Amino acid sequence: KDTEPTLYTVKAVLILDNDGERLYAKYYDETYPTVKEQKAFEKNIFNKTHRTDSEIALLEGLTVVYKSNIDLYFYVIGSSHENELMLMSVLNCLFDSLSQMLRKNVERRALLENMEGLFLAVDEIVDGGVILESDPQQVVYRVALRGDDVPLTEQTVSQVIALLIYEKISYYLVNLTLTC
């Protein structure tokens, strides 16, 4: 296997509660092919990280970047030769996107009530282990576009404004292309 850093590979994204229980887990390769192996890894990772203030750990030959907030633990996992800064940018993007989407209320209950937004955000940030986006503004914007079946009354003012601006720009670009 190639051991050169790729700058693009994420093996997993995890969110655990303050008891180490899985709230969200997405694995992008076969490092832990069964749920039993995944749960054992998650227990190990939680036990190693939940009492520390550091942000990076090496565990089972993997690079783990993490952060906690209130009653949640966020993890982005890459191979041991992955660039920690790139993995950290994914972690920060996920956390900042959720912070905006949950109106700074990043805690267990709010997250569970907005799991669809979490799924969409992770899909915007990482696809098949490849990092697609590290700008939380773009992630929140795209999640708002993908969730456009959400009633207008449930969208934030900034989501509505972003959608209107996007539609106006698209309209002008299409007309500009047609007139040229």
C-alpha atoms as a PDB file:
ATOM      1  CA  LYS A   1       0.000   0.000   0.000  1.00  0.00           C
ATOM      2  CA  ASP A   2       1.141   3.550  -0.725  1.00  0.00           C
ATOM      3  CA  THR A   3       2.334   5.260   2.455  1.00  0.00           C
ATOM      4  CA  GLU A   4       2.744   8.745   1.033  1.00  0.00           C
ATOM      5  CA  PRO A   5       0.496  11.391   2.636  1.00  0.00           C
ATOM      6  CA  THR A   6      -2.389  12.142   0.318  1.00  0.00           C
ATOM      7  CA  LEU A   7      -3.810  15.240   2.045  1.00  0.00           C
ATOM      8  CA  TYR A   8      -7.240  13.993   1.014  1.00  0.00           C
ATOM      9  CA  THR A   9      -8.089  10.792   2.840  1.00  0.00           C
ATOM     10  CA  VAL A  10     -10.444  10.507   5.787  1.00  0.00           C
ATOM     11  CA  LYS A  11     -11.049   7.034   7.190  1.00  0.00           C
ATOM     12  CA  ALA A  12     -13.939   7.956   9.502  1.00  0.00           C
ATOM     13  CA  VAL A  13     -15.983  10.750  11.043  1.00  0.00           C
ATOM     14  CA  LEU A  14     -17.426  10.050  14.497  1.00  0.00           C
ATOM     15  CA  ILE A  15     -19.541  11.868  17.038  1.00  0.00           C
ATOM     16  CA  LEU A  16     -19.859  10.288  20.470  1.00  0.00           C
ATOM     17  CA  ASP A  17     -21.777  11.478  23.511  1.00  0.00           C
ATOM     18  CA  ASN A  18     -20.189  12.077  26.904  1.00  0.00           C
ATOM     19  CA  ASP A  19     -20.642   8.391  27.784  1.00  0.00           C
ATOM     20  CA  GLY A  20     -18.735   7.345  24.660  1.00  0.00           C
ATOM     21  CA  GLU A  21     -21.901   6.132  22.907  1.00  0.00           C
ATOM     22  CA  ARG A  22     -22.158   6.555  19.146  1.00  0.00           C
ATOM     23  CA  LEU A  23     -24.424   9.338  17.917  1.00  0.00           C
ATOM     24  CA  TYR A  24     -22.949   9.372  14.423  1.00  0.00           C
ATOM     25  CA  ALA A  25     -20.342   7.270  12.666  1.00  0.00           C
ATOM     26  CA  LYS A  26     -19.335   7.103   9.047  1.00  0.00           C
ATOM     27  CA  TYR A  27     -16.472   4.835   8.040  1.00  0.00           C
ATOM     28  CA  TYR A  28     -15.009   5.261   4.560  1.00  0.00           C
ATOM     29  CA  ASP A  29     -12.905   2.107   4.274  1.00  0.00           C
ATOM     30  CA  GLU A  30     -12.628  -1.428   5.605  1.00  0.00           C
ATOM     31  CA  THR A  31     -10.259  -0.706   8.516  1.00  0.00           C
ATOM     32  CA  TYR A  32     -13.107  -1.711  10.853  1.00  0.00           C
ATOM     33  CA  PRO A  33     -15.461  -3.757   8.654  1.00  0.00           C
ATOM     34  CA  THR A  34     -17.970  -4.892  11.290  1.00  0.00           C
ATOM     35  CA  VAL A  35     -20.120  -2.906  13.699  1.00  0.00           C
ATOM     36  CA  LYS A  36     -18.550  -4.902  16.553  1.00  0.00           C
ATOM     37  CA  GLU A  37     -15.039  -3.794  15.495  1.00  0.00           C
ATOM     38  CA  GLN A  38     -16.228  -0.210  15.002  1.00  0.00           C
ATOM     39  CA  LYS A  39     -17.811  -0.097  18.483  1.00  0.00           C
ATOM     40  CA  ALA A  40     -14.631  -1.520  20.059  1.00  0.00           C
ATOM     41  CA  PHE A  41     -12.555   1.134  18.248  1.00  0.00           C
ATOM     42  CA  GLU A  42     -14.982   3.879  19.350  1.00  0.00           C
ATOM     43  CA  LYS A  43     -14.778   2.707  22.980  1.00  0.00           C
ATOM     44  CA  ASN A  44     -10.970   2.671  22.760  1.00  0.00           C
ATOM     45  CA  ILE A  45     -10.811   6.119  21.152  1.00  0.00           C
ATOM     46  CA  PHE A  46     -13.199   7.596  23.727  1.00  0.00           C
ATOM     47  CA  ASN A  47     -11.289   6.081  26.661  1.00  0.00           C
ATOM     48  CA  LYS A  48      -8.022   7.477  25.313  1.00  0.00           C
ATOM     49  CA  THR A  49      -9.290  10.983  24.503  1.00  0.00           C
ATOM     50  CA  HIS A  50     -12.187  12.039  26.719  1.00  0.00           C
ATOM     51  CA  ARG A  51     -10.033  13.209  29.638  1.00  0.00           C
ATOM     52  CA  THR A  52      -7.354  15.023  27.662  1.00  0.00           C
ATOM     53  CA  ASP A  53      -7.076  18.572  26.372  1.00  0.00           C
ATOM     54  CA  SER A  54      -4.938  17.716  23.369  1.00  0.00           C
ATOM     55  CA  GLU A  55      -6.426  17.646  19.878  1.00  0.00           C
ATOM     56  CA  ILE A  56      -4.413  14.903  18.179  1.00  0.00           C
ATOM     57  CA  ALA A  57      -3.823  11.271  19.106  1.00  0.00           C
ATOM     58  CA  LEU A  58      -2.220   8.272  17.473  1.00  0.00           C
ATOM     59  CA  LEU A  59      -4.282   5.162  18.091  1.00  0.00           C
ATOM     60  CA  GLU A  60      -4.181   1.705  16.507  1.00  0.00           C
ATOM     61  CA  GLY A  61      -1.936   3.051  13.741  1.00  0.00           C
ATOM     62  CA  LEU A  62      -4.334   5.891  12.931  1.00  0.00           C
ATOM     63  CA  THR A  63      -4.192   9.664  13.282  1.00  0.00           C
ATOM     64  CA  VAL A  64      -7.140  10.932  15.304  1.00  0.00           C
ATOM     65  CA  VAL A  65      -8.038  14.610  15.584  1.00  0.00           C
ATOM     66  CA  TYR A  66     -10.787  15.518  17.993  1.00  0.00           C
ATOM     67  CA  LYS A  67     -12.569  18.167  19.983  1.00  0.00           C
ATOM     68  CA  SER A  68     -15.261  18.149  22.613  1.00  0.00           C
ATOM     69  CA  ASN A  69     -18.117  20.530  23.258  1.00  0.00           C
ATOM     70  CA  ILE A  70     -20.543  20.318  26.198  1.00  0.00           C
ATOM     71  CA  ASP A  71     -21.688  16.670  25.882  1.00  0.00           C
ATOM     72  CA  LEU A  72     -20.308  15.755  22.444  1.00  0.00           C
ATOM     73  CA  TYR A  73     -16.976  14.431  21.174  1.00  0.00           C
ATOM     74  CA  PHE A  74     -16.120  14.975  17.506  1.00  0.00           C
ATOM     75  CA  TYR A  75     -13.491  12.807  15.776  1.00  0.00           C
ATOM     76  CA  VAL A  76     -11.940  12.753  12.320  1.00  0.00           C
ATOM     77  CA  ILE A  77      -9.717   9.749  11.669  1.00  0.00           C
ATOM     78  CA  GLY A  78      -7.053   9.322   9.004  1.00  0.00           C
ATOM     79  CA  SER A  79      -4.168   6.938   8.450  1.00  0.00           C
ATOM     80  CA  SER A  80      -0.980   7.395  10.488  1.00  0.00           C
ATOM     81  CA  HIS A  81       0.716   9.229   7.591  1.00  0.00           C
ATOM     82  CA  GLU A  82      -2.160  11.644   6.897  1.00  0.00           C
ATOM     83  CA  ASN A  83      -1.632  15.371   7.304  1.00  0.00           C
ATOM     84  CA  GLU A  84      -2.953  16.359  10.763  1.00  0.00           C
ATOM     85  CA  LEU A  85      -3.687  19.913   9.642  1.00  0.00           C
ATOM     86  CA  MET A  86      -5.854  18.660   6.790  1.00  0.00           C
ATOM     87  CA  LEU A  87      -7.744  16.344   9.144  1.00  0.00           C
ATOM     88  CA  MET A  88      -8.115  19.211  11.614  1.00  0.00           C
ATOM     89  CA  SER A  89      -9.558  21.428   8.872  1.00  0.00           C
ATOM     90  CA  VAL A  90     -12.240  18.761   8.281  1.00  0.00           C
ATOM     91  CA  LEU A  91     -12.973  18.596  12.011  1.00  0.00           C
ATOM     92  CA  ASN A  92     -13.194  22.382  12.336  1.00  0.00           C
ATOM     93  CA  CYS A  93     -15.368  22.634   9.231  1.00  0.00           C
ATOM     94  CA  LEU A  94     -17.784  20.031  10.604  1.00  0.00           C
ATOM     95  CA  PHE A  95     -17.934  21.661  14.035  1.00  0.00           C
ATOM     96  CA  ASP A  96     -18.303  25.221  12.670  1.00  0.00           C
ATOM     97  CA  SER A  97     -20.955  24.124  10.153  1.00  0.00           C
ATOM     98  CA  LEU A  98     -22.971  22.432  12.887  1.00  0.00           C
ATOM     99  CA  SER A  99     -22.483  25.439  15.140  1.00  0.00           C
ATOM    100  CA  GLN A 100     -24.034  27.685  12.478  1.00  0.00           C
ATOM    101  CA  MET A 101     -26.795  25.219  11.615  1.00  0.00           C
ATOM    102  CA  LEU A 102     -27.686  24.668  15.287  1.00  0.00           C
ATOM    103  CA  ARG A 103     -27.385  28.382  16.098  1.00  0.00           C
ATOM    104  CA  LYS A 104     -24.358  27.788  18.347  1.00  0.00           C
ATOM    105  CA  ASN A 105     -26.291  25.181  20.349  1.00  0.00           C
ATOM    106  CA  VAL A 106     -23.902  22.278  19.622  1.00  0.00           C
ATOM    107  CA  GLU A 107     -25.051  19.753  22.182  1.00  0.00           C
ATOM    108  CA  ARG A 108     -26.525  16.249  22.153  1.00  0.00           C
ATOM    109  CA  ARG A 109     -30.238  17.063  22.156  1.00  0.00           C
ATOM    110  CA  ALA A 110     -29.993  19.716  19.411  1.00  0.00           C
ATOM    111  CA  LEU A 111     -27.851  17.381  17.303  1.00  0.00           C
ATOM    112  CA  LEU A 112     -30.300  14.485  17.638  1.00  0.00           C
ATOM    113  CA  GLU A 113     -33.147  16.786  16.579  1.00  0.00           C
ATOM    114  CA  ASN A 114     -31.175  17.820  13.473  1.00  0.00           C
ATOM    115  CA  MET A 115     -29.582  14.560  12.303  1.00  0.00           C
ATOM    116  CA  GLU A 116     -30.603  15.152   8.685  1.00  0.00           C
ATOM    117  CA  GLY A 117     -28.582  18.372   8.665  1.00  0.00           C
ATOM    118  CA  LEU A 118     -25.617  16.492  10.148  1.00  0.00           C
ATOM    119  CA  PHE A 119     -25.809  13.799   7.434  1.00  0.00           C
ATOM    120  CA  LEU A 120     -25.973  16.447   4.698  1.00  0.00           C
ATOM    121  CA  ALA A 121     -23.104  18.452   6.222  1.00  0.00           C
ATOM    122  CA  VAL A 122     -20.789  15.439   6.468  1.00  0.00           C
ATOM    123  CA  ASP A 123     -21.658  14.489   2.868  1.00  0.00           C
ATOM    124  CA  GLU A 124     -20.748  18.007   1.734  1.00  0.00           C
ATOM    125  CA  ILE A 125     -17.410  17.900   3.595  1.00  0.00           C
ATOM    126  CA  VAL A 126     -16.237  14.338   2.820  1.00  0.00           C
ATOM    127  CA  ASP A 127     -17.286  11.962   0.044  1.00  0.00           C
ATOM    128  CA  GLY A 128     -15.894   8.454  -0.009  1.00  0.00           C
ATOM    129  CA  GLY A 129     -13.020   9.579   2.209  1.00  0.00           C
ATOM    130  CA  VAL A 130     -12.097  12.455  -0.130  1.00  0.00           C
ATOM    131  CA  ILE A 131     -12.217  15.931   1.372  1.00  0.00           C
ATOM    132  CA  LEU A 132     -14.528  18.089  -0.737  1.00  0.00           C
ATOM    133  CA  GLU A 133     -14.955  21.213   1.361  1.00  0.00           C
ATOM    134  CA  SER A 134     -13.348  22.893   4.356  1.00  0.00           C
ATOM    135  CA  ASP A 135     -15.296  26.175   4.357  1.00  0.00           C
ATOM    136  CA  PRO A 136     -18.210  25.993   6.815  1.00  0.00           C
ATOM    137  CA  GLN A 137     -20.042  28.854   5.035  1.00  0.00           C
ATOM    138  CA  GLN A 138     -20.134  26.787   1.835  1.00  0.00           C
ATOM    139  CA  VAL A 139     -21.279  23.687   3.714  1.00  0.00           C
ATOM    140  CA  VAL A 140     -24.119  25.529   5.468  1.00  0.00           C
ATOM    141  CA  TYR A 141     -25.133  27.130   2.169  1.00  0.00           C
ATOM    142  CA  ARG A 142     -25.193  23.804   0.308  1.00  0.00           C
ATOM    143  CA  VAL A 143     -27.068  22.068   3.128  1.00  0.00           C
ATOM    144  CA  ALA A 144     -29.646  24.874   2.957  1.00  0.00           C
ATOM    145  CA  LEU A 145     -29.967  24.364  -0.815  1.00  0.00           C
ATOM    146  CA  ARG A 146     -30.312  20.597  -0.452  1.00  0.00           C
ATOM    147  CA  GLY A 147     -32.856  21.068   2.291  1.00  0.00           C
ATOM    148  CA  ASP A 148     -34.970  23.423   0.186  1.00  0.00           C
ATOM    149  CA  ASP A 149     -37.989  21.247   0.829  1.00  0.00           C
ATOM    150  CA  VAL A 150     -37.844  22.622   4.374  1.00  0.00           C
ATOM    151  CA  PRO A 151     -40.673  25.143   4.806  1.00  0.00           C
ATOM    152  CA  LEU A 152     -39.524  28.734   4.519  1.00  0.00           C
ATOM    153  CA  THR A 153     -40.657  29.384   8.095  1.00  0.00           C
ATOM    154  CA  GLU A 154     -38.159  26.808   9.406  1.00  0.00           C
ATOM    155  CA  GLN A 155     -35.196  28.228   7.515  1.00  0.00           C
ATOM    156  CA  THR A 156     -32.951  30.855   9.022  1.00  0.00           C
ATOM    157  CA  VAL A 157     -33.030  34.353   7.574  1.00  0.00           C
ATOM    158  CA  SER A 158     -29.446  33.895   6.333  1.00  0.00           C
ATOM    159  CA  GLN A 159     -30.414  30.647   4.535  1.00  0.00           C
ATOM    160  CA  VAL A 160     -33.295  32.408   2.763  1.00  0.00           C
ATOM    161  CA  ILE A 161     -31.095  35.378   1.815  1.00  0.00           C
ATOM    162  CA  ALA A 162     -28.325  33.058   0.557  1.00  0.00           C
ATOM    163  CA  LEU A 163     -30.851  31.160  -1.558  1.00  0.00           C
ATOM    164  CA  LEU A 164     -32.281  34.389  -3.022  1.00  0.00           C
ATOM    165  CA  ILE A 165     -28.809  35.718  -3.835  1.00  0.00           C
ATOM    166  CA  TYR A 166     -27.852  32.410  -5.456  1.00  0.00           C
ATOM    167  CA  GLU A 167     -31.031  32.430  -7.574  1.00  0.00           C
ATOM    168  CA  LYS A 168     -30.459  36.063  -8.661  1.00  0.00           C
ATOM    169  CA  ILE A 169     -26.827  35.403  -9.615  1.00  0.00           C
ATOM    170  CA  SER A 170     -27.833  32.251 -11.512  1.00  0.00           C
ATOM    171  CA  TYR A 171     -30.544  34.175 -13.360  1.00  0.00           C
ATOM    172  CA  TYR A 172     -28.130  36.948 -14.381  1.00  0.00           C
ATOM    173  CA  LEU A 173     -25.409  34.498 -15.429  1.00  0.00           C
ATOM    174  CA  VAL A 174     -27.828  32.524 -17.603  1.00  0.00           C
ATOM    175  CA  ASN A 175     -29.135  35.720 -19.241  1.00  0.00           C
ATOM    176  CA  LEU A 176     -25.610  37.076 -19.688  1.00  0.00           C
ATOM    177  CA  THR A 177     -24.556  33.825 -21.382  1.00  0.00           C
ATOM    178  CA  LEU A 178     -27.605  33.925 -23.667  1.00  0.00           C
ATOM    179  CA  THR A 179     -26.966  37.532 -24.740  1.00  0.00           C
ATOM    180  CA  CYS A 180     -23.256  37.040 -25.472  1.00  0.00           C
END
